[in-house]
Amino acid sequence: MDVAERITCVECRGIAHLVSFAPPDEGFAPGDVVTYVCEDCGHRVDVVVEEDE
């Protein structure tokens, strides 16, 4: 499963970039936790991957 490379930071509304790596040849699975770090404020955001609907 693919996840977004960038999201909006919940702290400052800047751009947070994905810093987690998916297992090779598997990708991310529902329930995995992926981490983003904001380029503006340095805030870390952890997101639980949910199944696509």
PDB file of N, CA and C in Angstrom:
ATOM      1  N   MET A   1       0.847  -1.170   0.000  1.00  0.00           N
ATOM      2  CA  MET A   1       0.000   0.000   0.000  1.00  0.00           C
ATOM      3  C   MET A   1       0.894   1.234   0.000  1.00  0.00           C
ATOM      4  N   ASP A   2       0.577   2.188  -0.829  1.00  0.00           N
ATOM      5  CA  ASP A   2       1.320   3.437  -0.882  1.00  0.00           C
ATOM      6  C   ASP A   2       0.759   4.426   0.130  1.00  0.00           C
ATOM      7  N   VAL A   3       1.629   5.289   0.648  1.00  0.00           N
ATOM      8  CA  VAL A   3       1.206   6.369   1.540  1.00  0.00           C
ATOM      9  C   VAL A   3       1.703   7.679   0.946  1.00  0.00           C
ATOM     10  N   ALA A   4       1.141   8.782   1.389  1.00  0.00           N
ATOM     11  CA  ALA A   4       1.521  10.101   0.887  1.00  0.00           C
ATOM     12  C   ALA A   4       2.976  10.407   1.247  1.00  0.00           C
ATOM     13  N   GLU A   5       3.694  11.011   0.311  1.00  0.00           N
ATOM     14  CA  GLU A   5       5.078  11.423   0.555  1.00  0.00           C
ATOM     15  C   GLU A   5       5.132  12.686   1.419  1.00  0.00           C
ATOM     16  N   ARG A   6       4.075  13.516   1.323  1.00  0.00           N
ATOM     17  CA  ARG A   6       4.007  14.758   2.095  1.00  0.00           C
ATOM     18  C   ARG A   6       2.584  14.927   2.635  1.00  0.00           C
ATOM     19  N   ILE A   7       2.509  15.508   3.826  1.00  0.00           N
ATOM     20  CA  ILE A   7       1.219  15.853   4.425  1.00  0.00           C
ATOM     21  C   ILE A   7       1.327  17.251   5.019  1.00  0.00           C
ATOM     22  N   THR A   8       0.206  17.816   5.425  1.00  0.00           N
ATOM     23  CA  THR A   8       0.207  19.104   6.107  1.00  0.00           C
ATOM     24  C   THR A   8       0.497  18.884   7.583  1.00  0.00           C
ATOM     25  N   CYS A   9       1.441  19.635   8.112  1.00  0.00           N
ATOM     26  CA  CYS A   9       1.808  19.539   9.529  1.00  0.00           C
ATOM     27  C   CYS A   9       0.643  20.009  10.391  1.00  0.00           C
ATOM     28  N   VAL A  10       0.309  19.241  11.396  1.00  0.00           N
ATOM     29  CA  VAL A  10      -0.797  19.597  12.285  1.00  0.00           C
ATOM     30  C   VAL A  10      -0.400  20.699  13.259  1.00  0.00           C
ATOM     31  N   GLU A  11       0.884  20.951  13.400  1.00  0.00           N
ATOM     32  CA  GLU A  11       1.367  21.958  14.341  1.00  0.00           C
ATOM     33  C   GLU A  11       1.406  23.355  13.718  1.00  0.00           C
ATOM     34  N   CYS A  12       2.018  23.473  12.523  1.00  0.00           N
ATOM     35  CA  CYS A  12       2.223  24.807  11.945  1.00  0.00           C
ATOM     36  C   CYS A  12       1.616  24.992  10.563  1.00  0.00           C
ATOM     37  N   ARG A  13       1.001  23.935  10.014  1.00  0.00           N
ATOM     38  CA  ARG A  13       0.410  23.949   8.669  1.00  0.00           C
ATOM     39  C   ARG A  13       1.465  23.971   7.565  1.00  0.00           C
ATOM     40  N   GLY A  14       2.733  23.663   7.896  1.00  0.00           N
ATOM     41  CA  GLY A  14       3.791  23.554   6.904  1.00  0.00           C
ATOM     42  C   GLY A  14       3.710  22.198   6.212  1.00  0.00           C
ATOM     43  N   ILE A  15       4.792  21.823   5.532  1.00  0.00           N
ATOM     44  CA  ILE A  15       4.831  20.549   4.810  1.00  0.00           C
ATOM     45  C   ILE A  15       5.674  19.551   5.591  1.00  0.00           C
ATOM     46  N   ALA A  16       5.068  18.403   5.899  1.00  0.00           N
ATOM     47  CA  ALA A  16       5.773  17.329   6.597  1.00  0.00           C
ATOM     48  C   ALA A  16       6.081  16.223   5.595  1.00  0.00           C
ATOM     49  N   HIS A  17       7.321  15.748   5.620  1.00  0.00           N
ATOM     50  CA  HIS A  17       7.793  14.750   4.666  1.00  0.00           C
ATOM     51  C   HIS A  17       7.889  13.376   5.328  1.00  0.00           C
ATOM     52  N   LEU A  18       7.573  12.351   4.568  1.00  0.00           N
ATOM     53  CA  LEU A  18       7.652  10.966   5.027  1.00  0.00           C
ATOM     54  C   LEU A  18       9.108  10.605   5.312  1.00  0.00           C
ATOM     55  N   VAL A  19       9.377  10.040   6.489  1.00  0.00           N
ATOM     56  CA  VAL A  19      10.727   9.590   6.835  1.00  0.00           C
ATOM     57  C   VAL A  19      10.770   8.096   7.121  1.00  0.00           C
ATOM     58  N   SER A  20       9.630   7.416   7.034  1.00  0.00           N
ATOM     59  CA  SER A  20       9.567   5.969   7.234  1.00  0.00           C
ATOM     60  C   SER A  20       9.845   5.252   5.916  1.00  0.00           C
ATOM     61  N   PHE A  21      10.419   4.070   6.019  1.00  0.00           N
ATOM     62  CA  PHE A  21      10.683   3.246   4.846  1.00  0.00           C
ATOM     63  C   PHE A  21       9.803   1.999   4.904  1.00  0.00           C
ATOM     64  N   ALA A  22       9.195   1.663   3.772  1.00  0.00           N
ATOM     65  CA  ALA A  22       8.370   0.455   3.684  1.00  0.00           C
ATOM     66  C   ALA A  22       9.278  -0.765   3.557  1.00  0.00           C
ATOM     67  N   PRO A  23       8.831  -1.913   4.060  1.00  0.00           N
ATOM     68  CA  PRO A  23       9.604  -3.139   3.855  1.00  0.00           C
ATOM     69  C   PRO A  23       9.774  -3.388   2.353  1.00  0.00           C
ATOM     70  N   PRO A  24      10.970  -3.792   1.922  1.00  0.00           N
ATOM     71  CA  PRO A  24      11.189  -4.024   0.486  1.00  0.00           C
ATOM     72  C   PRO A  24      10.186  -5.023  -0.090  1.00  0.00           C
ATOM     73  N   ASP A  25       9.683  -4.718  -1.266  1.00  0.00           N
ATOM     74  CA  ASP A  25       8.754  -5.578  -2.015  1.00  0.00           C
ATOM     75  C   ASP A  25       7.424  -5.810  -1.316  1.00  0.00           C
ATOM     76  N   GLU A  26       7.142  -5.103  -0.234  1.00  0.00           N
ATOM     77  CA  GLU A  26       5.877  -5.300   0.487  1.00  0.00           C
ATOM     78  C   GLU A  26       5.053  -4.032   0.564  1.00  0.00           C
ATOM     79  N   GLY A  27       5.687  -2.903   0.750  1.00  0.00           N
ATOM     80  CA  GLY A  27       4.961  -1.660   0.982  1.00  0.00           C
ATOM     81  C   GLY A  27       4.420  -1.623   2.401  1.00  0.00           C
ATOM     82  N   PHE A  28       3.629  -0.613   2.683  1.00  0.00           N
ATOM     83  CA  PHE A  28       3.024  -0.483   4.003  1.00  0.00           C
ATOM     84  C   PHE A  28       1.723  -1.271   4.049  1.00  0.00           C
ATOM     85  N   ALA A  29       1.345  -1.708   5.238  1.00  0.00           N
ATOM     86  CA  ALA A  29       0.110  -2.466   5.442  1.00  0.00           C
ATOM     87  C   ALA A  29      -0.765  -1.717   6.448  1.00  0.00           C
ATOM     88  N   PRO A  30      -2.084  -1.935   6.388  1.00  0.00           N
ATOM     89  CA  PRO A  30      -2.960  -1.330   7.386  1.00  0.00           C
ATOM     90  C   PRO A  30      -2.477  -1.687   8.793  1.00  0.00           C
ATOM     91  N   GLY A  31      -2.457  -0.678   9.657  1.00  0.00           N
ATOM     92  CA  GLY A  31      -1.990  -0.861  11.026  1.00  0.00           C
ATOM     93  C   GLY A  31      -0.550  -0.441  11.232  1.00  0.00           C
ATOM     94  N   ASP A  32       0.223  -0.303  10.145  1.00  0.00           N
ATOM     95  CA  ASP A  32       1.602   0.188  10.260  1.00  0.00           C
ATOM     96  C   ASP A  32       1.582   1.645  10.699  1.00  0.00           C
ATOM     97  N   VAL A  33       2.618   2.061  11.399  1.00  0.00           N
ATOM     98  CA  VAL A  33       2.774   3.460  11.789  1.00  0.00           C
ATOM     99  C   VAL A  33       3.859   4.068  10.915  1.00  0.00           C
ATOM    100  N   VAL A  34       3.529   5.171  10.244  1.00  0.00           N
ATOM    101  CA  VAL A  34       4.506   5.884   9.428  1.00  0.00           C
ATOM    102  C   VAL A  34       4.777   7.239  10.074  1.00  0.00           C
ATOM    103  N   THR A  35       5.994   7.737   9.890  1.00  0.00           N
ATOM    104  CA  THR A  35       6.416   8.975  10.536  1.00  0.00           C
ATOM    105  C   THR A  35       6.732  10.034   9.495  1.00  0.00           C
ATOM    106  N   TYR A  36       6.274  11.245   9.790  1.00  0.00           N
ATOM    107  CA  TYR A  36       6.554  12.418   8.972  1.00  0.00           C
ATOM    108  C   TYR A  36       7.238  13.452   9.860  1.00  0.00           C
ATOM    109  N   VAL A  37       8.104  14.293   9.256  1.00  0.00           N
ATOM    110  CA  VAL A  37       8.738  15.388   9.978  1.00  0.00           C
ATOM    111  C   VAL A  37       8.541  16.662   9.162  1.00  0.00           C
ATOM    112  N   CYS A  38       8.121  17.715   9.859  1.00  0.00           N
ATOM    113  CA  CYS A  38       7.834  18.994   9.202  1.00  0.00           C
ATOM    114  C   CYS A  38       9.126  19.720   8.858  1.00  0.00           C
ATOM    115  N   GLU A  39       9.180  20.239   7.629  1.00  0.00           N
ATOM    116  CA  GLU A  39      10.364  20.981   7.191  1.00  0.00           C
ATOM    117  C   GLU A  39      10.432  22.368   7.817  1.00  0.00           C
ATOM    118  N   ASP A  40       9.315  22.888   8.315  1.00  0.00           N
ATOM    119  CA  ASP A  40       9.293  24.234   8.884  1.00  0.00           C
ATOM    120  C   ASP A  40       9.559  24.257  10.390  1.00  0.00           C
ATOM    121  N   CYS A  41       8.845  23.433  11.136  1.00  0.00           N
ATOM    122  CA  CYS A  41       8.968  23.494  12.594  1.00  0.00           C
ATOM    123  C   CYS A  41       9.656  22.283  13.212  1.00  0.00           C
ATOM    124  N   GLY A  42       9.906  21.231  12.404  1.00  0.00           N
ATOM    125  CA  GLY A  42      10.579  20.045  12.921  1.00  0.00           C
ATOM    126  C   GLY A  42       9.681  19.104  13.698  1.00  0.00           C
ATOM    127  N   HIS A  43       8.378  19.399  13.741  1.00  0.00           N
ATOM    128  CA  HIS A  43       7.415  18.568  14.472  1.00  0.00           C
ATOM    129  C   HIS A  43       7.335  17.180  13.845  1.00  0.00           C
ATOM    130  N   ARG A  44       7.293  16.154  14.697  1.00  0.00           N
ATOM    131  CA  ARG A  44       7.148  14.771  14.237  1.00  0.00           C
ATOM    132  C   ARG A  44       5.670  14.396  14.289  1.00  0.00           C
ATOM    133  N   VAL A  45       5.195  13.769  13.225  1.00  0.00           N
ATOM    134  CA  VAL A  45       3.805  13.321  13.151  1.00  0.00           C
ATOM    135  C   VAL A  45       3.809  11.825  12.851  1.00  0.00           C
ATOM    136  N   ASP A  46       3.213  11.025  13.737  1.00  0.00           N
ATOM    137  CA  ASP A  46       3.074   9.589  13.520  1.00  0.00           C
ATOM    138  C   ASP A  46       1.640   9.317  13.085  1.00  0.00           C
ATOM    139  N   VAL A  47       1.496   8.558  11.999  1.00  0.00           N
ATOM    140  CA  VAL A  47       0.183   8.277  11.424  1.00  0.00           C
ATOM    141  C   VAL A  47       0.015   6.773  11.273  1.00  0.00           C
ATOM    142  N   VAL A  48      -1.136   6.249  11.685  1.00  0.00           N
ATOM    143  CA  VAL A  48      -1.446   4.837  11.500  1.00  0.00           C
ATOM    144  C   VAL A  48      -2.064   4.667  10.111  1.00  0.00           C
ATOM    145  N   VAL A  49      -1.502   3.757   9.333  1.00  0.00           N
ATOM    146  CA  VAL A  49      -2.010   3.491   7.983  1.00  0.00           C
ATOM    147  C   VAL A  49      -3.343   2.767   8.095  1.00  0.00           C
ATOM    148  N   GLU A  50      -4.347   3.309   7.401  1.00  0.00           N
ATOM    149  CA  GLU A  50      -5.668   2.692   7.396  1.00  0.00           C
ATOM    150  C   GLU A  50      -5.927   2.074   6.029  1.00  0.00           C
ATOM    151  N   GLU A  51      -6.784   1.099   5.999  1.00  0.00           N
ATOM    152  CA  GLU A  51      -7.109   0.412   4.753  1.00  0.00           C
ATOM    153  C   GLU A  51      -7.870   1.349   3.821  1.00  0.00           C
ATOM    154  N   ASP A  52      -7.541   1.286   2.525  1.00  0.00           N
ATOM    155  CA  ASP A  52      -8.267   2.069   1.522  1.00  0.00           C
ATOM    156  C   ASP A  52      -9.698   1.592   1.441  1.00  0.00           C
ATOM    157  N   GLU A  53     -10.594   2.535   1.181  1.00  0.00           N
ATOM    158  CA  GLU A  53     -11.998   2.159   1.041  1.00  0.00           C
ATOM    159  C   GLU A  53     -12.391   2.126  -0.409  1.00  0.00           C
TER     160      GLU A  53
END
